[in-house]
N, C-alpha and C. Protein backbone atom coordinates (compact mmCIF):
# COMPACT_ATOMS: atom_id res chain seq x y z
N MET A 1 -44.82 -43.95 -28.50
CA MET A 1 -43.55 -44.47 -28.42
C MET A 1 -42.84 -44.08 -29.91
N ASN A 2 -41.48 -43.89 -29.93
CA ASN A 2 -40.70 -42.79 -30.91
C ASN A 2 -40.49 -44.85 -31.94
N LEU A 3 -40.36 -43.89 -33.47
CA LEU A 3 -40.43 -45.37 -34.08
C LEU A 3 -38.43 -45.21 -33.68
N LEU A 4 -37.93 -44.00 -33.72
CA LEU A 4 -36.10 -44.53 -34.02
C LEU A 4 -35.93 -45.32 -33.19
N ALA A 5 -36.21 -45.28 -31.38
CA ALA A 5 -35.65 -45.89 -30.62
C ALA A 5 -36.28 -47.56 -30.84
N ASN A 6 -37.12 -47.39 -31.30
CA ASN A 6 -37.44 -48.90 -31.53
C ASN A 6 -36.61 -49.81 -32.98
N VAL A 7 -36.15 -48.78 -33.51
CA VAL A 7 -34.95 -49.39 -35.13
C VAL A 7 -33.49 -49.48 -34.95
N LEU A 8 -33.40 -48.51 -34.08
CA LEU A 8 -31.87 -48.66 -34.05
C LEU A 8 -31.59 -49.06 -33.21
N PRO A 9 -31.56 -49.95 -31.64
CA PRO A 9 -31.15 -51.07 -31.70
C PRO A 9 -31.36 -52.63 -32.65
N TRP A 10 -32.23 -52.62 -33.24
CA TRP A 10 -31.98 -53.72 -34.64
C TRP A 10 -31.00 -53.43 -35.70
N ALA A 11 -31.19 -51.96 -36.36
CA ALA A 11 -29.95 -51.68 -36.76
C ALA A 11 -29.04 -51.21 -36.04
N ILE A 12 -28.42 -51.25 -35.18
CA ILE A 12 -27.12 -51.33 -34.65
C ILE A 12 -26.94 -53.19 -34.82
N GLY A 13 -27.50 -53.68 -33.94
CA GLY A 13 -27.58 -55.27 -33.79
C GLY A 13 -27.16 -55.97 -35.46
N GLY A 14 -28.22 -55.60 -36.49
CA GLY A 14 -27.47 -56.13 -38.14
C GLY A 14 -26.36 -55.53 -38.34
N PHE A 15 -25.70 -54.18 -37.75
CA PHE A 15 -24.68 -53.85 -38.48
C PHE A 15 -23.47 -54.55 -37.70
N ALA A 16 -23.28 -55.15 -36.38
CA ALA A 16 -22.54 -55.48 -35.71
C ALA A 16 -22.33 -57.35 -35.95
N LEU A 17 -23.74 -57.68 -36.72
CA LEU A 17 -23.86 -58.45 -37.12
C LEU A 17 -22.60 -58.98 -38.25
N ALA A 18 -22.79 -57.88 -39.53
CA ALA A 18 -22.34 -57.81 -40.43
C ALA A 18 -20.62 -57.62 -40.35
N LEU A 19 -20.43 -56.76 -38.86
CA LEU A 19 -19.04 -56.64 -38.88
C LEU A 19 -18.30 -58.00 -38.70
N LEU A 20 -18.90 -58.49 -38.10
CA LEU A 20 -18.33 -60.28 -37.78
C LEU A 20 -18.40 -61.03 -38.63
N LEU A 21 -19.67 -61.06 -39.65
CA LEU A 21 -19.48 -62.06 -41.20
C LEU A 21 -18.29 -61.23 -41.96
N ASN A 22 -17.82 -59.80 -41.77
CA ASN A 22 -17.34 -59.52 -42.97
C ASN A 22 -15.74 -59.87 -42.48
N ALA A 23 -15.30 -59.96 -40.98
CA ALA A 23 -14.12 -60.15 -40.50
C ALA A 23 -13.85 -61.86 -40.20
N TRP A 24 -14.79 -62.59 -40.32
CA TRP A 24 -14.74 -63.77 -40.80
C TRP A 24 -14.32 -63.76 -42.00
N ARG A 25 -14.79 -63.26 -43.46
CA ARG A 25 -14.69 -63.65 -44.73
C ARG A 25 -13.32 -62.95 -45.06
N LEU A 26 -12.81 -61.95 -44.19
CA LEU A 26 -11.14 -61.45 -43.82
C LEU A 26 -10.36 -62.40 -43.78
N LEU A 27 -10.40 -63.16 -42.82
CA LEU A 27 -9.50 -64.26 -42.28
C LEU A 27 -9.62 -65.53 -42.44
N ARG A 28 -11.16 -65.64 -43.84
CA ARG A 28 -11.12 -66.90 -44.46
C ARG A 28 -10.67 -66.61 -45.70
N GLY A 29 -11.28 -65.96 -46.47
CA GLY A 29 -11.44 -65.45 -47.66
C GLY A 29 -10.41 -66.46 -48.69
N PRO A 30 -10.53 -66.83 -49.91
CA PRO A 30 -10.39 -67.40 -50.38
C PRO A 30 -8.91 -67.43 -51.11
N GLY A 31 -8.68 -66.13 -51.65
CA GLY A 31 -7.88 -64.71 -52.07
C GLY A 31 -7.72 -63.74 -51.62
N LEU A 32 -6.61 -62.93 -52.01
CA LEU A 32 -6.23 -61.81 -52.01
C LEU A 32 -7.32 -60.71 -52.39
N PRO A 33 -8.07 -61.01 -53.08
CA PRO A 33 -8.93 -60.04 -53.98
C PRO A 33 -10.09 -60.21 -52.98
N ASP A 34 -10.29 -61.47 -52.19
CA ASP A 34 -11.80 -61.39 -51.77
C ASP A 34 -11.89 -60.93 -50.64
N ARG A 35 -10.44 -61.06 -50.00
CA ARG A 35 -9.86 -60.11 -48.70
C ARG A 35 -9.72 -58.71 -48.40
N ILE A 36 -9.39 -57.96 -49.45
CA ILE A 36 -9.42 -57.02 -49.86
C ILE A 36 -10.80 -56.17 -49.86
N LEU A 37 -12.02 -56.99 -50.41
CA LEU A 37 -13.06 -56.54 -50.89
C LEU A 37 -14.19 -56.74 -49.48
N ALA A 38 -13.18 -57.74 -48.55
CA ALA A 38 -14.07 -58.08 -47.45
C ALA A 38 -13.62 -56.75 -46.52
N LEU A 39 -12.70 -56.84 -46.43
CA LEU A 39 -11.79 -55.27 -45.39
C LEU A 39 -12.41 -54.06 -46.02
N ASP A 40 -12.95 -53.71 -47.08
CA ASP A 40 -13.91 -52.61 -47.93
C ASP A 40 -14.72 -52.52 -47.25
N THR A 41 -15.44 -53.73 -47.57
CA THR A 41 -16.99 -53.77 -46.62
C THR A 41 -16.47 -53.56 -45.09
N LEU A 42 -15.93 -54.33 -44.61
CA LEU A 42 -15.45 -53.82 -42.97
C LEU A 42 -15.58 -52.52 -42.48
N TYR A 43 -15.24 -51.54 -43.67
CA TYR A 43 -14.62 -50.24 -42.70
C TYR A 43 -16.28 -49.73 -43.43
N ILE A 44 -16.85 -50.04 -44.36
CA ILE A 44 -17.99 -49.17 -45.15
C ILE A 44 -19.38 -50.08 -43.32
N ASN A 45 -19.33 -50.95 -42.98
CA ASN A 45 -20.05 -51.05 -42.01
C ASN A 45 -19.87 -50.83 -40.76
N THR A 46 -18.21 -50.32 -40.70
CA THR A 46 -18.31 -49.81 -39.26
C THR A 46 -18.61 -48.15 -39.48
N LEU A 47 -18.61 -47.73 -40.75
CA LEU A 47 -18.67 -46.33 -40.59
C LEU A 47 -20.81 -45.92 -40.19
N ALA A 48 -21.37 -47.11 -40.72
CA ALA A 48 -22.83 -47.25 -40.68
C ALA A 48 -22.82 -47.58 -39.43
N LEU A 49 -22.23 -48.57 -38.64
CA LEU A 49 -22.72 -48.19 -36.70
C LEU A 49 -21.60 -47.20 -35.80
N LEU A 50 -21.36 -46.07 -36.75
CA LEU A 50 -20.39 -45.63 -35.91
C LEU A 50 -21.43 -44.22 -36.42
N VAL A 51 -22.24 -44.18 -37.19
CA VAL A 51 -23.01 -43.06 -37.37
C VAL A 51 -24.57 -43.28 -36.67
N LEU A 52 -25.00 -44.30 -36.54
CA LEU A 52 -26.12 -44.94 -35.83
C LEU A 52 -25.62 -44.44 -34.33
N LEU A 53 -24.73 -44.96 -33.80
CA LEU A 53 -23.91 -45.07 -32.41
C LEU A 53 -24.17 -43.34 -32.54
N GLY A 54 -24.07 -42.45 -33.50
CA GLY A 54 -24.09 -41.38 -33.05
C GLY A 54 -25.36 -40.20 -32.97
N VAL A 55 -26.02 -41.45 -33.65
CA VAL A 55 -27.75 -41.26 -33.46
C VAL A 55 -28.16 -41.55 -32.26
N TRP A 56 -27.63 -42.45 -32.07
CA TRP A 56 -28.58 -43.04 -30.63
C TRP A 56 -28.09 -42.06 -29.84
N PHE A 57 -26.60 -41.92 -29.41
CA PHE A 57 -26.37 -41.14 -28.20
C PHE A 57 -26.28 -39.58 -28.36
N GLY A 58 -26.55 -38.66 -29.57
CA GLY A 58 -26.56 -37.82 -29.74
C GLY A 58 -25.46 -36.72 -29.68
N THR A 59 -24.28 -37.10 -30.28
CA THR A 59 -23.08 -36.38 -29.91
C THR A 59 -21.97 -36.55 -31.64
N ASP A 60 -21.91 -35.44 -32.04
CA ASP A 60 -21.04 -35.92 -33.06
C ASP A 60 -19.79 -35.83 -33.32
N VAL A 61 -19.61 -35.95 -32.14
CA VAL A 61 -17.95 -36.77 -32.18
C VAL A 61 -17.76 -38.06 -33.35
N TYR A 62 -18.61 -39.18 -33.08
CA TYR A 62 -19.26 -40.51 -33.92
C TYR A 62 -19.38 -39.72 -35.11
N PHE A 63 -19.73 -38.96 -35.61
CA PHE A 63 -19.81 -38.25 -37.34
C PHE A 63 -18.40 -37.95 -37.70
N GLU A 64 -17.74 -37.61 -36.48
CA GLU A 64 -15.87 -37.19 -36.92
C GLU A 64 -15.31 -38.21 -37.09
N VAL A 65 -15.31 -39.07 -36.97
CA VAL A 65 -14.71 -40.07 -36.54
C VAL A 65 -14.92 -40.98 -37.74
N ALA A 66 -16.83 -41.21 -37.61
CA ALA A 66 -16.88 -42.11 -39.11
C ALA A 66 -16.23 -40.98 -40.46
N LEU A 67 -16.01 -39.77 -40.59
CA LEU A 67 -15.55 -39.35 -41.49
C LEU A 67 -14.07 -39.17 -41.31
N LEU A 68 -12.95 -39.74 -40.48
CA LEU A 68 -11.64 -40.23 -40.30
C LEU A 68 -11.68 -41.13 -41.20
N ILE A 69 -12.30 -41.82 -40.72
CA ILE A 69 -12.27 -43.86 -40.75
C ILE A 69 -12.35 -44.04 -42.09
N ALA A 70 -13.18 -42.75 -43.31
CA ALA A 70 -14.00 -43.50 -44.27
C ALA A 70 -13.00 -42.79 -45.39
N MET A 71 -12.30 -41.49 -45.44
CA MET A 71 -10.89 -41.47 -45.85
C MET A 71 -9.54 -42.37 -45.92
N LEU A 72 -9.07 -42.58 -44.45
CA LEU A 72 -8.04 -43.79 -44.41
C LEU A 72 -8.98 -45.07 -44.93
N GLY A 73 -9.93 -45.44 -45.05
CA GLY A 73 -10.61 -47.05 -45.94
C GLY A 73 -10.51 -46.47 -46.88
N PHE A 74 -11.05 -45.53 -47.66
CA PHE A 74 -11.25 -45.35 -49.03
C PHE A 74 -9.13 -45.18 -49.82
N ILE A 75 -8.14 -44.71 -49.06
CA ILE A 75 -6.83 -44.58 -49.40
C ILE A 75 -6.23 -46.19 -48.98
N GLY A 76 -6.84 -46.67 -47.73
CA GLY A 76 -6.38 -47.94 -48.06
C GLY A 76 -6.95 -49.13 -49.09
N THR A 77 -7.81 -48.89 -49.61
CA THR A 77 -8.60 -49.48 -50.93
C THR A 77 -7.51 -49.82 -52.06
N VAL A 78 -7.65 -47.82 -52.31
CA VAL A 78 -6.86 -47.92 -53.47
C VAL A 78 -5.63 -48.31 -53.28
N VAL A 79 -4.45 -48.30 -52.02
CA VAL A 79 -3.34 -48.99 -52.07
C VAL A 79 -3.02 -49.77 -52.17
N LEU A 80 -4.07 -50.95 -51.84
CA LEU A 80 -4.76 -52.70 -51.67
C LEU A 80 -4.36 -52.75 -52.74
N SER A 81 -5.70 -52.52 -53.15
CA SER A 81 -5.86 -52.53 -55.02
C SER A 81 -4.45 -52.75 -56.06
N LYS A 82 -3.98 -51.45 -55.73
CA LYS A 82 -3.02 -51.12 -56.31
C LYS A 82 -1.94 -51.54 -56.42
N TYR A 83 -1.65 -52.43 -54.87
CA TYR A 83 -0.30 -53.41 -55.46
C TYR A 83 -0.70 -55.04 -55.30
N LEU A 84 -1.82 -55.32 -55.63
CA LEU A 84 -2.68 -56.39 -56.21
C LEU A 84 -2.59 -56.31 -57.68
N LEU A 85 -2.99 -54.95 -58.48
CA LEU A 85 -2.73 -55.17 -60.06
C LEU A 85 -1.37 -55.00 -60.47
N ARG A 86 -0.31 -54.15 -59.39
CA ARG A 86 0.75 -53.80 -60.28
C ARG A 86 2.17 -54.62 -59.64
N GLY A 87 2.19 -55.15 -58.13
CA GLY A 87 2.98 -55.72 -57.72
C GLY A 87 3.84 -54.45 -56.61
N ASP A 88 3.62 -53.53 -56.93
CA ASP A 88 4.09 -52.30 -56.01
C ASP A 88 3.28 -51.10 -55.54
N ILE A 89 3.20 -50.24 -54.92
CA ILE A 89 2.06 -49.01 -54.52
C ILE A 89 2.88 -47.88 -55.64
N VAL A 90 4.89 -47.88 -55.44
CA VAL A 90 5.22 -46.12 -55.95
C VAL A 90 5.45 -46.47 -57.65
N GLU A 91 4.77 -45.64 -58.04
CA GLU A 91 5.71 -46.29 -59.66
C GLU A 91 6.92 -45.46 -59.80
């Protein structure tokens, strides 16, 4: 039996659980920095889940979507962090 076929459902389940826990921290987080960190971790876990689904289904579309989410997530994290530090986004 193929090892990858046995491991992929467990890995997908683990990242799905991590997404739920990150969403809980995003909604419940005690402060704004905690929520920004939870949002950053949420999109990283979404990337990992999309890559795993792309491997499981054997299609390239999931990898392209993961790349798009990675770029938007990075920009979002930088903008939120800059807003948190300075109080405005545009200098």
